[in-house]
Each structure stands twice: as structure tokens, then as C-alpha cells.
Full PDB file with SEQRES, HELIX, SHEET, SSBOND, CRYST1, ORIGX, SCALE, CONECT and MASTER records, all heavy atoms in Angstrom:
SEQRES   1 A   32  CYS CYS GLY SER GLY CYS GLU PRO CYS VAL TRP ASP LEU          
SEQRES   2 A   32  TYR GLN GLU GLN LEU THR GLU TYR ARG ALA LYS LEU ALA          
SEQRES   3 A   32  ALA TRP GLN ALA ARG GLU                                      
HELIX    1 AA1 VAL A   10  ARG A   31  1                                  22    
CRYST1    1.000    1.000    1.000  90.00  90.00  90.00 P 1           1          
ORIGX1      1.000000  0.000000  0.000000        0.00000                         
ORIGX2      0.000000  1.000000  0.000000        0.00000                         
ORIGX3      0.000000  0.000000  1.000000        0.00000                         
SCALE1      1.000000  0.000000  0.000000        0.00000                         
SCALE2      0.000000  1.000000  0.000000        0.00000                         
SCALE3      0.000000  0.000000  1.000000        0.00000                         
ATOM      1  N   CYS A   1       6.441  -7.226 -12.294  1.00  0.00           N  
ATOM      2  CA  CYS A   1       7.537  -7.629 -11.421  1.00  0.00           C  
ATOM      3  C   CYS A   1       8.551  -8.410 -12.274  1.00  0.00           C  
ATOM      4  O   CYS A   1       8.212  -9.385 -12.930  1.00  0.00           O  
ATOM      5  CB  CYS A   1       7.020  -8.505 -10.276  1.00  0.00           C  
ATOM      6  SG  CYS A   1       8.331  -9.133  -9.226  1.00  0.00           S  
ATOM      7  N   CYS A   2       9.800  -7.948 -12.237  1.00  0.00           N  
ATOM      8  CA  CYS A   2      10.823  -8.609 -13.063  1.00  0.00           C  
ATOM      9  C   CYS A   2      11.401  -9.857 -12.400  1.00  0.00           C  
ATOM     10  O   CYS A   2      12.080 -10.638 -13.025  1.00  0.00           O  
ATOM     11  CB  CYS A   2      11.937  -7.621 -13.389  1.00  0.00           C  
ATOM     12  SG  CYS A   2      12.888  -7.068 -11.961  1.00  0.00           S  
ATOM     13  N   GLY A   3      11.140 -10.017 -11.101  1.00  0.00           N  
ATOM     14  CA  GLY A   3      11.604 -11.205 -10.386  1.00  0.00           C  
ATOM     15  C   GLY A   3      13.094 -11.178 -10.040  1.00  0.00           C  
ATOM     16  O   GLY A   3      13.640 -12.187  -9.623  1.00  0.00           O  
ATOM     17  N   SER A   4      13.725 -10.014 -10.180  1.00  0.00           N  
ATOM     18  CA  SER A   4      15.176  -9.951  -9.915  1.00  0.00           C  
ATOM     19  C   SER A   4      15.503  -9.426  -8.514  1.00  0.00           C  
ATOM     20  O   SER A   4      16.662  -9.181  -8.215  1.00  0.00           O  
ATOM     21  CB  SER A   4      15.870  -9.093 -10.975  1.00  0.00           C  
ATOM     22  OG  SER A   4      15.467  -7.750 -10.849  1.00  0.00           O  
ATOM     23  N   GLY A   5      14.485  -9.207  -7.711  1.00  0.00           N  
ATOM     24  CA  GLY A   5      14.726  -8.741  -6.352  1.00  0.00           C  
ATOM     25  C   GLY A   5      14.942  -7.235  -6.248  1.00  0.00           C  
ATOM     26  O   GLY A   5      15.655  -6.783  -5.359  1.00  0.00           O  
ATOM     27  N   CYS A   6      14.384  -6.490  -7.173  1.00  0.00           N  
ATOM     28  CA  CYS A   6      14.515  -5.028  -7.133  1.00  0.00           C  
ATOM     29  C   CYS A   6      14.093  -4.502  -5.761  1.00  0.00           C  
ATOM     30  O   CYS A   6      13.216  -5.052  -5.112  1.00  0.00           O  
ATOM     31  CB  CYS A   6      13.621  -4.387  -8.182  1.00  0.00           C  
ATOM     32  SG  CYS A   6      14.077  -4.763  -9.870  1.00  0.00           S  
ATOM     33  N   GLU A   7      14.731  -3.421  -5.354  1.00  0.00           N  
ATOM     34  CA  GLU A   7      14.412  -2.777  -4.096  1.00  0.00           C  
ATOM     35  C   GLU A   7      14.113  -1.323  -4.357  1.00  0.00           C  
ATOM     36  O   GLU A   7      15.045  -0.589  -4.708  1.00  0.00           O  
ATOM     37  CB  GLU A   7      15.557  -2.931  -3.115  1.00  0.00           C  
ATOM     38  CG  GLU A   7      15.265  -2.543  -1.710  1.00  0.00           C  
ATOM     39  CD  GLU A   7      14.177  -3.376  -1.045  1.00  0.00           C  
ATOM     40  OE1 GLU A   7      14.079  -4.590  -1.228  1.00  0.00           O  
ATOM     41  OE2 GLU A   7      13.396  -2.736  -0.332  1.00  0.00           O  
ATOM     42  N   PRO A   8      12.911  -0.847  -4.307  1.00  0.00           N  
ATOM     43  CA  PRO A   8      11.728  -1.596  -3.915  1.00  0.00           C  
ATOM     44  C   PRO A   8      11.082  -2.268  -5.145  1.00  0.00           C  
ATOM     45  O   PRO A   8      11.137  -1.745  -6.252  1.00  0.00           O  
ATOM     46  CB  PRO A   8      10.799  -0.544  -3.345  1.00  0.00           C  
ATOM     47  CG  PRO A   8      11.131   0.703  -4.128  1.00  0.00           C  
ATOM     48  CD  PRO A   8      12.608   0.609  -4.409  1.00  0.00           C  
ATOM     49  N   CYS A   9      10.463  -3.374  -4.899  1.00  0.00           N  
ATOM     50  CA  CYS A   9       9.721  -4.096  -5.919  1.00  0.00           C  
ATOM     51  C   CYS A   9       8.364  -3.413  -6.106  1.00  0.00           C  
ATOM     52  O   CYS A   9       7.872  -2.753  -5.184  1.00  0.00           O  
ATOM     53  CB  CYS A   9       9.516  -5.542  -5.477  1.00  0.00           C  
ATOM     54  SG  CYS A   9       8.493  -6.528  -6.587  1.00  0.00           S  
ATOM     55  N   VAL A  10       7.769  -3.578  -7.279  1.00  0.00           N  
ATOM     56  CA  VAL A  10       6.443  -2.993  -7.481  1.00  0.00           C  
ATOM     57  C   VAL A  10       5.456  -3.517  -6.440  1.00  0.00           C  
ATOM     58  O   VAL A  10       4.532  -2.809  -6.036  1.00  0.00           O  
ATOM     59  CB  VAL A  10       5.901  -3.257  -8.909  1.00  0.00           C  
ATOM     60  CG1 VAL A  10       6.721  -2.509  -9.932  1.00  0.00           C  
ATOM     61  CG2 VAL A  10       5.820  -4.728  -9.226  1.00  0.00           C  
ATOM     62  N   TRP A  11       5.660  -4.738  -5.966  1.00  0.00           N  
ATOM     63  CA  TRP A  11       4.770  -5.304  -4.942  1.00  0.00           C  
ATOM     64  C   TRP A  11       5.013  -4.655  -3.585  1.00  0.00           C  
ATOM     65  O   TRP A  11       4.090  -4.481  -2.816  1.00  0.00           O  
ATOM     66  CB  TRP A  11       4.923  -6.818  -4.860  1.00  0.00           C  
ATOM     67  CG  TRP A  11       4.301  -7.459  -6.064  1.00  0.00           C  
ATOM     68  CD1 TRP A  11       4.927  -7.998  -7.144  1.00  0.00           C  
ATOM     69  CD2 TRP A  11       2.892  -7.586  -6.331  1.00  0.00           C  
ATOM     70  NE1 TRP A  11       4.011  -8.449  -8.053  1.00  0.00           N  
ATOM     71  CE2 TRP A  11       2.766  -8.210  -7.583  1.00  0.00           C  
ATOM     72  CE3 TRP A  11       1.745  -7.216  -5.641  1.00  0.00           C  
ATOM     73  CZ2 TRP A  11       1.518  -8.485  -8.162  1.00  0.00           C  
ATOM     74  CZ3 TRP A  11       0.507  -7.488  -6.214  1.00  0.00           C  
ATOM     75  CH2 TRP A  11       0.408  -8.113  -7.456  1.00  0.00           C  
ATOM     76  N   ASP A  12       6.260  -4.271  -3.309  1.00  0.00           N  
ATOM     77  CA  ASP A  12       6.549  -3.522  -2.062  1.00  0.00           C  
ATOM     78  C   ASP A  12       5.834  -2.183  -2.082  1.00  0.00           C  
ATOM     79  O   ASP A  12       5.239  -1.767  -1.087  1.00  0.00           O  
ATOM     80  CB  ASP A  12       8.049  -3.275  -1.906  1.00  0.00           C  
ATOM     81  CG  ASP A  12       8.858  -4.562  -1.749  1.00  0.00           C  
ATOM     82  OD1 ASP A  12       8.309  -5.549  -1.220  1.00  0.00           O  
ATOM     83  OD2 ASP A  12      10.032  -4.554  -2.169  1.00  0.00           O  
ATOM     84  N   LEU A  13       5.897  -1.486  -3.218  1.00  0.00           N  
ATOM     85  CA  LEU A  13       5.253  -0.192  -3.343  1.00  0.00           C  
ATOM     86  C   LEU A  13       3.736  -0.356  -3.216  1.00  0.00           C  
ATOM     87  O   LEU A  13       3.086   0.467  -2.572  1.00  0.00           O  
ATOM     88  CB  LEU A  13       5.599   0.446  -4.693  1.00  0.00           C  
ATOM     89  CG  LEU A  13       7.081   0.772  -4.888  1.00  0.00           C  
ATOM     90  CD1 LEU A  13       7.336   1.249  -6.315  1.00  0.00           C  
ATOM     91  CD2 LEU A  13       7.567   1.766  -3.861  1.00  0.00           C  
ATOM     92  N   TYR A  14       3.204  -1.407  -3.806  1.00  0.00           N  
ATOM     93  CA  TYR A  14       1.767  -1.654  -3.695  1.00  0.00           C  
ATOM     94  C   TYR A  14       1.366  -1.887  -2.247  1.00  0.00           C  
ATOM     95  O   TYR A  14       0.346  -1.367  -1.782  1.00  0.00           O  
ATOM     96  CB  TYR A  14       1.374  -2.847  -4.574  1.00  0.00           C  
ATOM     97  CG  TYR A  14      -0.051  -3.290  -4.373  1.00  0.00           C  
ATOM     98  CD1 TYR A  14      -1.120  -2.479  -4.757  1.00  0.00           C  
ATOM     99  CD2 TYR A  14      -0.351  -4.515  -3.763  1.00  0.00           C  
ATOM    100  CE1 TYR A  14      -2.428  -2.867  -4.568  1.00  0.00           C  
ATOM    101  CE2 TYR A  14      -1.665  -4.909  -3.591  1.00  0.00           C  
ATOM    102  CZ  TYR A  14      -2.700  -4.085  -3.979  1.00  0.00           C  
ATOM    103  OH  TYR A  14      -4.001  -4.474  -3.782  1.00  0.00           O  
ATOM    104  N   GLN A  15       2.149  -2.654  -1.507  1.00  0.00           N  
ATOM    105  CA  GLN A  15       1.844  -2.918  -0.099  1.00  0.00           C  
ATOM    106  C   GLN A  15       1.866  -1.636   0.705  1.00  0.00           C  
ATOM    107  O   GLN A  15       1.027  -1.436   1.590  1.00  0.00           O  
ATOM    108  CB  GLN A  15       2.811  -3.955   0.490  1.00  0.00           C  
ATOM    109  CG  GLN A  15       2.572  -5.349  -0.007  1.00  0.00           C  
ATOM    110  CD  GLN A  15       1.169  -5.845   0.312  1.00  0.00           C  
ATOM    111  OE1 GLN A  15       0.620  -5.629   1.370  1.00  0.00           O  
ATOM    112  NE2 GLN A  15       0.573  -6.512  -0.666  1.00  0.00           N  
ATOM    113  N   GLU A  16       2.802  -0.726   0.407  1.00  0.00           N  
ATOM    114  CA  GLU A  16       2.832   0.569   1.082  1.00  0.00           C  
ATOM    115  C   GLU A  16       1.560   1.370   0.770  1.00  0.00           C  
ATOM    116  O   GLU A  16       0.969   1.978   1.661  1.00  0.00           O  
ATOM    117  CB  GLU A  16       4.062   1.356   0.656  1.00  0.00           C  
ATOM    118  CG  GLU A  16       5.358   0.818   1.196  1.00  0.00           C  
ATOM    119  CD  GLU A  16       6.568   1.559   0.647  1.00  0.00           C  
ATOM    120  OE1 GLU A  16       6.403   2.639   0.030  1.00  0.00           O  
ATOM    121  OE2 GLU A  16       7.690   1.064   0.855  1.00  0.00           O  
ATOM    122  N   GLN A  17       1.171   1.372  -0.490  1.00  0.00           N  
ATOM    123  CA  GLN A  17      -0.037   2.078  -0.892  1.00  0.00           C  
ATOM    124  C   GLN A  17      -1.269   1.464  -0.238  1.00  0.00           C  
ATOM    125  O   GLN A  17      -2.182   2.173   0.190  1.00  0.00           O  
ATOM    126  CB  GLN A  17      -0.214   2.038  -2.417  1.00  0.00           C  
ATOM    127  CG  GLN A  17       0.834   2.829  -3.156  1.00  0.00           C  
ATOM    128  CD  GLN A  17       0.786   2.574  -4.664  1.00  0.00           C  
ATOM    129  OE1 GLN A  17       0.123   1.665  -5.133  1.00  0.00           O  
ATOM    130  NE2 GLN A  17       1.501   3.387  -5.415  1.00  0.00           N  
ATOM    131  N   LEU A  18      -1.309   0.158  -0.127  1.00  0.00           N  
ATOM    132  CA  LEU A  18      -2.425  -0.535   0.504  1.00  0.00           C  
ATOM    133  C   LEU A  18      -2.512  -0.211   1.989  1.00  0.00           C  
ATOM    134  O   LEU A  18      -3.605   0.034   2.514  1.00  0.00           O  
ATOM    135  CB  LEU A  18      -2.277  -2.045   0.291  1.00  0.00           C  
ATOM    136  CG  LEU A  18      -3.487  -2.917   0.471  1.00  0.00           C  
ATOM    137  CD1 LEU A  18      -4.648  -2.469  -0.412  1.00  0.00           C  
ATOM    138  CD2 LEU A  18      -3.134  -4.362   0.150  1.00  0.00           C  
ATOM    139  N   THR A  19      -1.392  -0.155   2.660  1.00  0.00           N  
ATOM    140  CA  THR A  19      -1.366   0.210   4.079  1.00  0.00           C  
ATOM    141  C   THR A  19      -1.891   1.650   4.264  1.00  0.00           C  
ATOM    142  O   THR A  19      -2.710   1.905   5.155  1.00  0.00           O  
ATOM    143  CB  THR A  19       0.064   0.091   4.646  1.00  0.00           C  
ATOM    144  OG1 THR A  19       0.462  -1.276   4.542  1.00  0.00           O  
ATOM    145  CG2 THR A  19       0.128   0.527   6.096  1.00  0.00           C  
ATOM    146  N   GLU A  20      -1.432   2.552   3.394  1.00  0.00           N  
ATOM    147  CA  GLU A  20      -1.895   3.946   3.474  1.00  0.00           C  
ATOM    148  C   GLU A  20      -3.387   4.029   3.183  1.00  0.00           C  
ATOM    149  O   GLU A  20      -4.132   4.748   3.858  1.00  0.00           O  
ATOM    150  CB  GLU A  20      -1.128   4.793   2.463  1.00  0.00           C  
ATOM    151  CG  GLU A  20      -1.470   6.258   2.513  1.00  0.00           C  
ATOM    152  CD  GLU A  20      -0.646   7.066   1.531  1.00  0.00           C  
ATOM    153  OE1 GLU A  20       0.534   6.785   1.346  1.00  0.00           O  
ATOM    154  OE2 GLU A  20      -1.238   7.995   0.940  1.00  0.00           O  
ATOM    155  N   TYR A  21      -3.868   3.287   2.187  1.00  0.00           N  
ATOM    156  CA  TYR A  21      -5.273   3.266   1.852  1.00  0.00           C  
ATOM    157  C   TYR A  21      -6.097   2.757   3.034  1.00  0.00           C  
ATOM    158  O   TYR A  21      -7.138   3.340   3.350  1.00  0.00           O  
ATOM    159  CB  TYR A  21      -5.516   2.368   0.635  1.00  0.00           C  
ATOM    160  CG  TYR A  21      -6.937   1.898   0.492  1.00  0.00           C  
ATOM    161  CD1 TYR A  21      -7.942   2.765   0.102  1.00  0.00           C  
ATOM    162  CD2 TYR A  21      -7.290   0.576   0.788  1.00  0.00           C  
ATOM    163  CE1 TYR A  21      -9.265   2.339  -0.016  1.00  0.00           C  
ATOM    164  CE2 TYR A  21      -8.596   0.148   0.665  1.00  0.00           C  
ATOM    165  CZ  TYR A  21      -9.573   1.034   0.266  1.00  0.00           C  
ATOM    166  OH  TYR A  21     -10.873   0.616   0.164  1.00  0.00           O  
ATOM    167  N   ARG A  22      -5.682   1.699   3.679  1.00  0.00           N  
ATOM    168  CA  ARG A  22      -6.437   1.158   4.805  1.00  0.00           C  
ATOM    169  C   ARG A  22      -6.542   2.163   5.933  1.00  0.00           C  
ATOM    170  O   ARG A  22      -7.583   2.268   6.592  1.00  0.00           O  
ATOM    171  CB  ARG A  22      -5.810  -0.146   5.279  1.00  0.00           C  
ATOM    172  CG  ARG A  22      -6.038  -1.280   4.307  1.00  0.00           C  
ATOM    173  CD  ARG A  22      -5.362  -2.548   4.729  1.00  0.00           C  
ATOM    174  NE  ARG A  22      -5.655  -3.625   3.800  1.00  0.00           N  
ATOM    175  CZ  ARG A  22      -4.863  -4.648   3.565  1.00  0.00           C  
ATOM    176  NH1 ARG A  22      -3.681  -4.727   4.183  1.00  0.00           N  
ATOM    177  NH2 ARG A  22      -5.203  -5.583   2.695  1.00  0.00           N  
ATOM    178  N   ALA A  23      -5.471   2.910   6.183  1.00  0.00           N  
ATOM    179  CA  ALA A  23      -5.521   3.940   7.232  1.00  0.00           C  
ATOM    180  C   ALA A  23      -6.492   5.058   6.840  1.00  0.00           C  
ATOM    181  O   ALA A  23      -7.277   5.526   7.669  1.00  0.00           O  
ATOM    182  CB  ALA A  23      -4.116   4.501   7.468  1.00  0.00           C  
ATOM    183  N   LYS A  24      -6.433   5.486   5.573  1.00  0.00           N  
ATOM    184  CA  LYS A  24      -7.341   6.531   5.109  1.00  0.00           C  
ATOM    185  C   LYS A  24      -8.786   6.040   5.141  1.00  0.00           C  
ATOM    186  O   LYS A  24      -9.685   6.795   5.494  1.00  0.00           O  
ATOM    187  CB  LYS A  24      -6.983   6.977   3.694  1.00  0.00           C  
ATOM    188  CG  LYS A  24      -5.714   7.782   3.623  1.00  0.00           C  
ATOM    189  CD  LYS A  24      -5.410   8.175   2.181  1.00  0.00           C  
ATOM    190  CE  LYS A  24      -4.159   9.011   2.097  1.00  0.00           C  
ATOM    191  NZ  LYS A  24      -3.848   9.403   0.703  1.00  0.00           N  
ATOM    192  N   LEU A  25      -9.006   4.779   4.794  1.00  0.00           N  
ATOM    193  CA  LEU A  25     -10.347   4.227   4.797  1.00  0.00           C  
ATOM    194  C   LEU A  25     -10.895   4.170   6.224  1.00  0.00           C  
ATOM    195  O   LEU A  25     -12.052   4.542   6.473  1.00  0.00           O  
ATOM    196  CB  LEU A  25     -10.366   2.832   4.173  1.00  0.00           C  
ATOM    197  CG  LEU A  25     -11.722   2.134   4.112  1.00  0.00           C  
ATOM    198  CD1 LEU A  25     -12.708   2.935   3.269  1.00  0.00           C  
ATOM    199  CD2 LEU A  25     -11.568   0.715   3.566  1.00  0.00           C  
ATOM    200  N   ALA A  26     -10.077   3.752   7.169  1.00  0.00           N  
ATOM    201  CA  ALA A  26     -10.525   3.692   8.563  1.00  0.00           C  
ATOM    202  C   ALA A  26     -10.906   5.076   9.077  1.00  0.00           C  
ATOM    203  O   ALA A  26     -11.913   5.259   9.749  1.00  0.00           O  
ATOM    204  CB  ALA A  26      -9.447   3.068   9.444  1.00  0.00           C  
ATOM    205  N   ALA A  27     -10.094   6.082   8.712  1.00  0.00           N  
ATOM    206  CA  ALA A  27     -10.393   7.458   9.147  1.00  0.00           C  
ATOM    207  C   ALA A  27     -11.674   7.939   8.481  1.00  0.00           C  
ATOM    208  O   ALA A  27     -12.517   8.580   9.116  1.00  0.00           O  
ATOM    209  CB  ALA A  27      -9.216   8.385   8.791  1.00  0.00           C  
ATOM    210  N   TRP A  28     -11.858   7.632   7.199  1.00  0.00           N  
ATOM    211  CA  TRP A  28     -13.078   8.036   6.496  1.00  0.00           C  
ATOM    212  C   TRP A  28     -14.304   7.365   7.105  1.00  0.00           C  
ATOM    213  O   TRP A  28     -15.322   8.001   7.301  1.00  0.00           O  
ATOM    214  CB  TRP A  28     -12.956   7.676   5.011  1.00  0.00           C  
ATOM    215  CG  TRP A  28     -14.163   8.045   4.224  1.00  0.00           C  
ATOM    216  CD1 TRP A  28     -14.452   9.253   3.676  1.00  0.00           C  
ATOM    217  CD2 TRP A  28     -15.262   7.172   3.916  1.00  0.00           C  
ATOM    218  NE1 TRP A  28     -15.667   9.199   3.044  1.00  0.00           N  
ATOM    219  CE2 TRP A  28     -16.183   7.922   3.159  1.00  0.00           C  
ATOM    220  CE3 TRP A  28     -15.555   5.842   4.162  1.00  0.00           C  
ATOM    221  CZ2 TRP A  28     -17.379   7.388   2.696  1.00  0.00           C  
ATOM    222  CZ3 TRP A  28     -16.730   5.299   3.689  1.00  0.00           C  
ATOM    223  CH2 TRP A  28     -17.631   6.082   2.967  1.00  0.00           C  
ATOM    224  N   GLN A  29     -14.185   6.074   7.425  1.00  0.00           N  
ATOM    225  CA  GLN A  29     -15.296   5.358   8.049  1.00  0.00           C  
ATOM    226  C   GLN A  29     -15.677   5.970   9.388  1.00  0.00           C  
ATOM    227  O   GLN A  29     -16.857   6.081   9.721  1.00  0.00           O  
ATOM    228  CB  GLN A  29     -14.965   3.876   8.186  1.00  0.00           C  
ATOM    229  CG  GLN A  29     -14.938   3.153   6.857  1.00  0.00           C  
ATOM    230  CD  GLN A  29     -14.402   1.732   6.955  1.00  0.00           C  
ATOM    231  OE1 GLN A  29     -13.525   1.436   7.779  1.00  0.00           O  
ATOM    232  NE2 GLN A  29     -14.887   0.853   6.120  1.00  0.00           N  
ATOM    233  N   ALA A  30     -14.691   6.393  10.150  1.00  0.00           N  
ATOM    234  CA  ALA A  30     -14.972   7.031  11.433  1.00  0.00           C  
ATOM    235  C   ALA A  30     -15.684   8.363  11.216  1.00  0.00           C  
ATOM    236  O   ALA A  30     -16.634   8.679  11.940  1.00  0.00           O  
ATOM    237  CB  ALA A  30     -13.658   7.238  12.209  1.00  0.00           C  
ATOM    238  N   ARG A  31     -15.241   9.143  10.224  1.00  0.00           N  
ATOM    239  CA  ARG A  31     -15.914  10.415   9.930  1.00  0.00           C  
ATOM    240  C   ARG A  31     -17.349  10.165   9.471  1.00  0.00           C  
ATOM    241  O   ARG A  31     -18.265  10.881   9.865  1.00  0.00           O  
ATOM    242  CB  ARG A  31     -15.154  11.185   8.857  1.00  0.00           C  
ATOM    243  CG  ARG A  31     -13.845  11.777   9.329  1.00  0.00           C  
ATOM    244  CD  ARG A  31     -13.255  12.757   8.335  1.00  0.00           C  
ATOM    245  NE  ARG A  31     -13.083  12.247   6.985  1.00  0.00           N  
ATOM    246  CZ  ARG A  31     -12.028  11.583   6.542  1.00  0.00           C  
ATOM    247  NH1 ARG A  31     -11.018  11.312   7.363  1.00  0.00           N  
ATOM    248  NH2 ARG A  31     -11.959  11.174   5.280  1.00  0.00           N  
ATOM    249  N   GLU A  32     -17.535   9.155   8.644  1.00  0.00           N  
ATOM    250  CA  GLU A  32     -18.882   8.833   8.160  1.00  0.00           C  
ATOM    251  C   GLU A  32     -19.793   8.409   9.304  1.00  0.00           C  
ATOM    252  O   GLU A  32     -20.946   8.820   9.366  1.00  0.00           O  
ATOM    253  CB  GLU A  32     -18.830   7.710   7.116  1.00  0.00           C  
ATOM    254  CG  GLU A  32     -18.491   8.187   5.730  1.00  0.00           C  
ATOM    255  CD  GLU A  32     -19.516   9.141   5.162  1.00  0.00           C  
ATOM    256  OE1 GLU A  32     -20.639   8.702   4.868  1.00  0.00           O  
ATOM    257  OE2 GLU A  32     -19.186  10.327   4.998  1.00  0.00           O  
TER     258      GLU A  32                                                      
MASTER        0    0    0    1    0    0    0    6  257    1    0    3          
END                                                                             
């Protein structure tokens, strides 16, 4: 993170990936 307020920041992208991962994990847990 360069700290200059980039849009999107690497942390924003990570949060999007984390949200997608949590949804996929919940679906996987239900299938399991």
C-alpha cells in the first residue's frame, strides 16, 4: 500500500476477495 489513496487500494481489492471467499466458503460448507 503506497498510502496515497489509490482507488482501488490493494486493501480494497483484498476486502473484495475476502468477501467472495467467505461466500464461497459458506456455500462449500453447506454442500459438505
